[in-house]
Protein backbone atom coordinates (compact mmCIF):
# COMPACT_ATOMS: atom_id res chain seq x y z
CA MET A 1 100.00 91.92 80.75
CA SER A 2 99.97 95.65 81.57
CA VAL A 3 98.70 98.26 79.13
CA ALA A 4 100.01 101.86 78.98
CA GLN A 5 97.61 104.79 78.61
CA THR A 6 98.53 108.49 78.30
CA VAL A 7 96.42 111.49 79.35
CA ARG A 8 97.27 115.20 79.05
CA LEU A 9 96.03 117.34 81.93
CA ALA A 10 95.98 121.15 81.74
CA GLY A 11 96.47 122.47 85.26
CA PRO A 12 95.77 121.46 88.85
CA GLU A 13 91.98 121.54 88.42
CA ALA A 14 92.21 119.00 85.60
CA MET A 15 94.50 116.82 87.75
CA MET A 16 92.02 116.97 90.63
CA ALA A 17 89.07 116.16 88.36
CA PHE A 18 90.89 113.21 86.79
CA GLY A 19 91.94 111.98 90.23
CA ALA A 20 88.28 112.10 91.34
CA ARG A 21 87.37 109.87 88.38
CA ILE A 22 89.99 107.36 89.52
CA GLY A 23 88.70 107.55 93.10
CA ARG A 24 85.19 106.63 92.01
CA VAL A 25 86.34 103.28 90.54
CA LEU A 26 88.62 102.15 93.39
CA LYS A 27 88.01 98.85 95.16
CA PRO A 28 89.37 97.39 98.40
CA ASP A 29 92.98 96.14 98.07
CA ASP A 30 93.78 98.51 95.18
CA ALA A 31 97.23 100.07 95.14
CA ILE A 32 98.33 103.06 93.09
CA ALA A 33 101.99 104.01 92.68
CA PHE A 34 102.73 107.67 91.83
CA TYR A 35 106.01 108.42 90.03
CA GLY A 36 107.30 111.89 89.21
CA ASP A 37 109.80 114.56 90.17
CA LEU A 38 109.29 116.91 93.10
CA GLY A 39 106.46 119.26 92.20
CA ALA A 40 105.11 117.05 89.41
CA GLY A 41 101.66 116.88 91.00
CA LYS A 42 101.58 113.53 92.80
CA THR A 43 99.86 114.93 95.89
CA THR A 44 97.46 116.98 93.74
CA LEU A 45 96.35 113.79 92.01
CA VAL A 46 95.99 112.07 95.40
CA ARG A 47 93.78 114.97 96.57
CA GLY A 48 91.51 114.37 93.59
CA ILE A 49 91.37 110.63 94.26
CA LEU A 50 90.43 111.26 97.88
CA GLN A 51 87.69 113.68 96.74
CA GLY A 52 86.38 110.94 94.44
CA LEU A 53 86.21 108.70 97.52
CA GLY A 54 84.18 111.30 99.40
CA TRP A 55 86.87 113.20 101.35
CA ASP A 56 86.16 116.94 101.65
CA GLY A 57 88.96 117.99 104.02
CA ASP A 58 92.55 119.04 103.53
CA VAL A 59 95.09 116.59 102.12
CA ALA A 60 98.67 117.04 103.19
CA SER A 61 101.68 115.27 101.80
CA PRO A 62 102.80 112.65 104.32
CA THR A 63 106.50 113.33 103.67
CA PHE A 64 107.32 113.65 107.36
CA PRO A 65 104.84 111.25 108.99
CA ILE A 66 105.35 108.86 106.02
CA MET A 67 101.77 107.57 106.26
CA LEU A 68 98.36 109.21 106.72
CA GLY A 69 95.12 107.26 106.99
CA TYR A 70 91.59 108.22 105.94
CA ASP A 71 88.74 106.19 107.40
CA MET A 72 85.09 105.54 106.74
CA PRO A 73 82.58 107.18 106.93
CA ASP A 74 84.61 110.19 105.70
CA VAL A 75 85.65 108.17 102.62
CA ARG A 76 83.92 105.33 100.78
CA LEU A 77 86.89 103.00 101.44
CA PRO A 78 89.71 103.16 104.00
CA VAL A 79 92.81 104.75 102.45
CA TRP A 80 96.50 104.86 103.31
CA HIS A 81 98.43 107.74 101.70
CA VAL A 82 102.10 106.81 101.89
CA ASP A 83 105.12 108.94 100.95
CA LEU A 84 108.33 106.92 100.78
CA TYR A 85 110.61 109.86 99.90
CA ARG A 86 112.52 109.63 103.20
CA ILE A 87 112.84 105.82 103.17
CA GLU A 88 116.46 104.78 102.65
CA ASP A 89 116.51 100.99 103.01
CA ARG A 90 114.27 97.94 102.89
CA ASP A 91 114.30 97.39 106.65
CA GLU A 92 112.34 100.63 107.03
CA LEU A 93 109.79 99.40 104.48
CA GLU A 94 109.31 96.17 106.35
CA GLU A 95 108.62 98.08 109.57
CA LEU A 96 105.78 100.01 107.89
CA GLY A 97 103.77 96.80 107.33
CA LEU A 98 102.34 97.94 104.00
CA ASP A 99 101.19 94.43 103.01
CA GLU A 100 99.02 94.15 106.12
CA LEU A 101 97.69 97.71 105.83
CA ARG A 102 96.72 97.21 102.20
CA PHE A 103 94.27 94.42 103.03
CA GLY A 104 90.76 95.87 102.73
CA SER A 105 92.10 99.36 102.05
CA VAL A 106 93.32 101.47 99.17
CA MET A 107 97.07 102.17 99.16
CA LEU A 108 98.26 105.40 97.49
CA ILE A 109 102.06 105.46 97.35
CA GLU A 110 104.25 108.39 96.39
CA TRP A 111 107.90 107.61 95.56
CA PRO A 112 107.25 103.88 95.00
CA GLU A 113 110.67 103.47 93.43
CA ARG A 114 111.88 103.15 97.05
CA MET A 115 110.05 99.80 97.15
CA GLY A 116 111.97 98.33 94.22
CA ASP A 117 110.65 94.86 93.43
CA TRP A 118 108.47 94.92 96.56
CA LEU A 119 105.83 96.94 94.72
CA TRP A 120 102.80 94.76 94.09
CA ARG A 121 102.38 93.51 90.53
CA ASP A 122 98.71 94.50 90.50
CA ALA A 123 99.44 98.16 91.37
CA LEU A 124 98.28 100.84 88.96
CA CYS A 125 101.44 102.82 88.13
CA LEU A 126 101.01 106.50 87.29
CA ARG A 127 103.95 108.54 85.98
CA ILE A 128 103.46 112.32 85.99
CA GLU A 129 105.69 114.53 83.86
CA ASN A 130 105.76 118.30 83.44
CA GLU A 131 104.78 119.53 79.99
CA GLY A 132 104.86 123.24 80.77
CA PRO A 133 104.10 125.52 83.72
CA ASP A 134 100.78 123.84 84.59
CA ALA A 135 100.35 121.10 81.98
CA ARG A 136 101.12 117.51 82.88
CA VAL A 137 101.30 114.24 80.99
CA LEU A 138 100.06 111.27 82.97
CA THR A 139 101.16 107.84 81.75
CA ALA A 140 99.33 104.96 83.38
CA THR A 141 100.54 101.39 83.33
CA CYS A 142 97.33 99.47 83.91
CA PRO A 143 97.69 95.90 85.15
CA PRO A 144 94.98 93.28 84.39
CA ALA A 145 93.31 94.12 87.74
CA TRP A 146 92.40 97.49 86.21
CA GLU A 147 90.91 96.14 83.00
CA GLY A 148 87.67 97.97 82.29
CA ARG A 149 88.16 100.43 85.16
CA TRP A 150 90.72 102.93 83.79
CA PRO A 151 88.72 106.17 83.49
CA ALA A 152 90.41 107.67 80.39
């Protein structure tokens, strides 16, 4: 059974810091699904997560390449940052091979609604909503795989 948690974050720095806390508790095979409107802060939160995994370089949104990888030793665990915004049908999803790529890695997926029921049941689901110019409300649906690890 999944449990919902809510966190208020005041500005991009708070999003990055909270993302870093998430990054420090990630394990191989973890998947995180990021929901939110354009400009909600999905990529900002991913930047923080990657920092928590040890990444100190730039983090771009993979809207056009669809997938960007980050490898050890630059990060503690291999990571796939996936942006499904441009995906229009399931055949395209199948071609990406996300199930195979997830094995032994961390999968960070923006626009997971494009996956429909293909999203893994053990994925941590994070919904980001605007609550003002910089303030955000993050609602996490934590599956049993995240019991005891949610950093709030």
